[in-house]
C-alpha atoms as a PDB file:
ATOM      1  CA  MET A   1       0.527  23.905  15.233  1.00  0.00           C
ATOM      2  CA  LEU A   2      -3.145  22.674  15.622  1.00  0.00           C
ATOM      3  CA  ALA A   3      -4.320  26.091  14.118  1.00  0.00           C
ATOM      4  CA  GLU A   4      -3.014  24.643  10.804  1.00  0.00           C
ATOM      5  CA  TYR A   5      -5.290  21.937  11.118  1.00  0.00           C
ATOM      6  CA  PHE A   6      -8.419  23.988  11.565  1.00  0.00           C
ATOM      7  CA  PRO A   7      -9.796  24.232   8.233  1.00  0.00           C
ATOM      8  CA  ILE A   8      -9.309  20.663   7.942  1.00  0.00           C
ATOM      9  CA  LEU A   9     -11.550  19.945  11.358  1.00  0.00           C
ATOM     10  CA  LEU A  10     -13.936  22.107  10.334  1.00  0.00           C
ATOM     11  CA  PHE A  11     -14.286  20.479   6.892  1.00  0.00           C
ATOM     12  CA  ILE A  12     -14.852  17.359   8.491  1.00  0.00           C
ATOM     13  CA  LEU A  13     -17.489  18.744  10.563  1.00  0.00           C
ATOM     14  CA  VAL A  14     -19.206  20.639   8.602  1.00  0.00           C
ATOM     15  CA  GLY A  15     -19.340  16.933   6.384  1.00  0.00           C
ATOM     16  CA  LEU A  16     -20.328  15.206   9.313  1.00  0.00           C
ATOM     17  CA  VAL A  17     -23.356  17.826   9.808  1.00  0.00           C
ATOM     18  CA  VAL A  18     -24.603  17.746   6.304  1.00  0.00           C
ATOM     19  CA  GLY A  19     -24.454  14.112   5.750  1.00  0.00           C
ATOM     20  CA  VAL A  20     -25.850  12.672   9.319  1.00  0.00           C
ATOM     21  CA  VAL A  21     -28.484  16.064   9.830  1.00  0.00           C
ATOM     22  CA  PRO A  22     -30.574  14.908   7.323  1.00  0.00           C
ATOM     23  CA  VAL A  23     -30.720  11.533   8.154  1.00  0.00           C
ATOM     24  CA  VAL A  24     -31.772  12.015  11.991  1.00  0.00           C
ATOM     25  CA  LEU A  25     -34.056  14.583  10.691  1.00  0.00           C
ATOM     26  CA  GLY A  26     -35.693  12.001   8.199  1.00  0.00           C
ATOM     27  CA  LEU A  27     -35.930   9.359  10.952  1.00  0.00           C
ATOM     28  CA  ALA A  28     -36.993  12.072  13.893  1.00  0.00           C
ATOM     29  CA  LEU A  29     -39.858  13.805  11.476  1.00  0.00           C
ATOM     30  CA  GLY A  30     -40.745  11.057   8.975  1.00  0.00           C
ATOM     31  CA  PRO A  31     -43.816   8.916   9.280  1.00  0.00           C
ATOM     32  CA  GLN A  32     -43.614   5.451  11.015  1.00  0.00           C
ATOM     33  CA  ARG A  33     -46.334   2.987   9.636  1.00  0.00           C
ATOM     34  CA  PRO A  34     -45.044  -0.047   8.852  1.00  0.00           C
ATOM     35  CA  ASP A  35     -47.320  -2.464   7.174  1.00  0.00           C
ATOM     36  CA  PRO A  36     -47.125  -6.359   5.890  1.00  0.00           C
ATOM     37  CA  GLU A  37     -45.923  -5.157   2.115  1.00  0.00           C
ATOM     38  CA  LYS A  38     -43.534  -2.793   3.357  1.00  0.00           C
ATOM     39  CA  LEU A  39     -41.870  -5.810   6.153  1.00  0.00           C
ATOM     40  CA  SER A  40     -41.866  -8.607   2.798  1.00  0.00           C
ATOM     41  CA  PRO A  41     -38.124  -8.753   1.887  1.00  0.00           C
ATOM     42  CA  TYR A  42     -38.156  -7.217  -1.343  1.00  0.00           C
ATOM     43  CA  GLU A  43     -41.093  -4.067  -0.453  1.00  0.00           C
ATOM     44  CA  CYS A  44     -42.473  -4.794  -4.135  1.00  0.00           C
ATOM     45  CA  GLY A  45     -45.231  -6.773  -3.406  1.00  0.00           C
ATOM     46  CA  PHE A  46     -44.413 -10.224  -4.632  1.00  0.00           C
ATOM     47  CA  GLU A  47     -42.019 -12.667  -3.349  1.00  0.00           C
ATOM     48  CA  ALA A  48     -38.997 -13.500  -4.995  1.00  0.00           C
ATOM     49  CA  PHE A  49     -38.881 -15.914  -7.707  1.00  0.00           C
ATOM     50  CA  GLU A  50     -35.902 -17.516  -7.140  1.00  0.00           C
ATOM     51  CA  ASP A  51     -33.876 -18.635  -4.241  1.00  0.00           C
ATOM     52  CA  ALA A  52     -31.152 -15.353  -3.465  1.00  0.00           C
ATOM     53  CA  ARG A  53     -28.357 -18.006  -3.406  1.00  0.00           C
ATOM     54  CA  MET A  54     -28.835 -18.928  -7.214  1.00  0.00           C
ATOM     55  CA  LYS A  55     -26.006 -18.817  -9.054  1.00  0.00           C
ATOM     56  CA  PHE A  56     -24.465 -16.144 -11.473  1.00  0.00           C
ATOM     57  CA  ASP A  57     -22.814 -16.786 -14.556  1.00  0.00           C
ATOM     58  CA  VAL A  58     -18.890 -16.743 -14.386  1.00  0.00           C
ATOM     59  CA  ARG A  59     -18.683 -13.966 -17.263  1.00  0.00           C
ATOM     60  CA  TYR A  60     -20.711 -11.426 -15.280  1.00  0.00           C
ATOM     61  CA  TYR A  61     -17.773 -11.538 -13.071  1.00  0.00           C
ATOM     62  CA  LEU A  62     -15.230 -11.398 -15.495  1.00  0.00           C
ATOM     63  CA  VAL A  63     -16.684  -7.985 -17.268  1.00  0.00           C
ATOM     64  CA  ALA A  64     -16.691  -6.282 -13.584  1.00  0.00           C
ATOM     65  CA  ILE A  65     -12.937  -7.542 -13.074  1.00  0.00           C
ATOM     66  CA  LEU A  66     -12.338  -5.958 -16.049  1.00  0.00           C
ATOM     67  CA  PHE A  67     -14.192  -2.837 -15.635  1.00  0.00           C
ATOM     68  CA  ILE A  68     -11.928  -2.731 -12.424  1.00  0.00           C
ATOM     69  CA  LEU A  69      -9.093  -3.177 -14.152  1.00  0.00           C
ATOM     70  CA  PHE A  70     -10.011  -0.814 -16.761  1.00  0.00           C
ATOM     71  CA  ASP A  71     -11.036   2.166 -14.640  1.00  0.00           C
ATOM     72  CA  LEU A  72      -8.121   1.722 -12.606  1.00  0.00           C
ATOM     73  CA  GLU A  73      -5.572   2.099 -15.428  1.00  0.00           C
ATOM     74  CA  ILE A  74      -7.466   5.471 -15.701  1.00  0.00           C
ATOM     75  CA  ALA A  75      -6.859   6.304 -12.362  1.00  0.00           C
ATOM     76  CA  PHE A  76      -3.387   5.971 -13.436  1.00  0.00           C
ATOM     77  CA  LEU A  77      -2.898   7.891 -16.552  1.00  0.00           C
ATOM     78  CA  PHE A  78      -4.276  11.425 -14.829  1.00  0.00           C
ATOM     79  CA  PRO A  79      -1.300  11.976 -12.514  1.00  0.00           C
ATOM     80  CA  TRP A  80       1.135  10.038 -14.778  1.00  0.00           C
ATOM     81  CA  ALA A  81      -0.105  12.737 -17.803  1.00  0.00           C
ATOM     82  CA  VAL A  82       0.171  15.438 -15.360  1.00  0.00           C
ATOM     83  CA  ALA A  83       3.589  14.832 -14.474  1.00  0.00           C
ATOM     84  CA  LEU A  84       5.065  13.446 -17.807  1.00  0.00           C
ATOM     85  CA  ALA A  85       7.148  16.369 -18.318  1.00  0.00           C
ATOM     86  CA  ASP A  86       8.810  15.837 -14.941  1.00  0.00           C
ATOM     87  CA  ILE A  87       9.713  12.352 -15.245  1.00  0.00           C
ATOM     88  CA  GLY A  88      10.798  11.698 -18.622  1.00  0.00           C
ATOM     89  CA  LEU A  89      11.363   8.773 -21.164  1.00  0.00           C
ATOM     90  CA  TYR A  90      11.683   6.765 -17.941  1.00  0.00           C
ATOM     91  CA  GLY A  91       7.895   7.233 -17.025  1.00  0.00           C
ATOM     92  CA  PHE A  92       6.749   7.155 -20.459  1.00  0.00           C
ATOM     93  CA  LEU A  93       8.548   3.853 -20.940  1.00  0.00           C
ATOM     94  CA  SER A  94       7.025   2.575 -17.474  1.00  0.00           C
ATOM     95  CA  MET A  95       3.639   3.453 -18.768  1.00  0.00           C
ATOM     96  CA  MET A  96       4.013   1.946 -22.248  1.00  0.00           C
ATOM     97  CA  LEU A  97       5.013  -1.188 -20.346  1.00  0.00           C
ATOM     98  CA  PHE A  98       1.691  -0.764 -18.339  1.00  0.00           C
ATOM     99  CA  LEU A  99      -0.584  -0.221 -20.711  1.00  0.00           C
ATOM    100  CA  ALA A 100       0.853  -3.022 -23.335  1.00  0.00           C
ATOM    101  CA  ILE A 101       0.144  -5.492 -20.194  1.00  0.00           C
ATOM    102  CA  LEU A 102      -3.126  -4.211 -19.735  1.00  0.00           C
ATOM    103  CA  VAL A 103      -4.215  -4.511 -23.081  1.00  0.00           C
ATOM    104  CA  ALA A 104      -2.394  -7.892 -23.818  1.00  0.00           C
ATOM    105  CA  GLY A 105      -5.048  -8.889 -20.804  1.00  0.00           C
ATOM    106  CA  PHE A 106      -8.025  -7.520 -22.808  1.00  0.00           C
ATOM    107  CA  PHE A 107      -7.055  -9.423 -25.745  1.00  0.00           C
ATOM    108  CA  TYR A 108      -6.596 -12.195 -23.924  1.00  0.00           C
ATOM    109  CA  GLU A 109     -10.431 -11.932 -22.439  1.00  0.00           C
ATOM    110  CA  TRP A 110     -11.445 -11.148 -25.811  1.00  0.00           C
ATOM    111  CA  ARG A 111     -10.156 -13.782 -27.558  1.00  0.00           C
ATOM    112  CA  LYS A 112     -11.638 -16.491 -24.268  1.00  0.00           C
ATOM    113  CA  GLY A 113     -15.050 -15.288 -24.842  1.00  0.00           C
ATOM    114  CA  ALA A 114     -15.513 -13.331 -21.819  1.00  0.00           C
ATOM    115  CA  LEU A 115     -17.026  -9.979 -23.578  1.00  0.00           C
ATOM    116  CA  ASP A 116     -19.763 -12.146 -25.537  1.00  0.00           C
ATOM    117  CA  TRP A 117     -22.952 -12.848 -24.260  1.00  0.00           C
ATOM    118  CA  GLU A 118     -25.484 -15.093 -25.233  1.00  0.00           C
END
């Protein structure tokens, strides 16, 4: 029974080797010459203009939430489209209701001005 899991174990080991070995080689063989500019907070040669705790505009977060929302919508649409023949009319109507709710939320955000930039 354990022999059935060998390809999965091999895949995980190869993934770890491909991910970890270059990092270790870079740390071991790379030059280590820190100077004050490299150790500065932003490594760009000058100090930051403002405090790192400055406030962001709320619209930034609204657009980010909308992006995540519609990105997840696409993640639901692909398996639905593949299984559409098997789920029938009930599955189709369920997805149309889901899309209608998302579109209604999108129009609400649009009318409230969440997508307008000044």
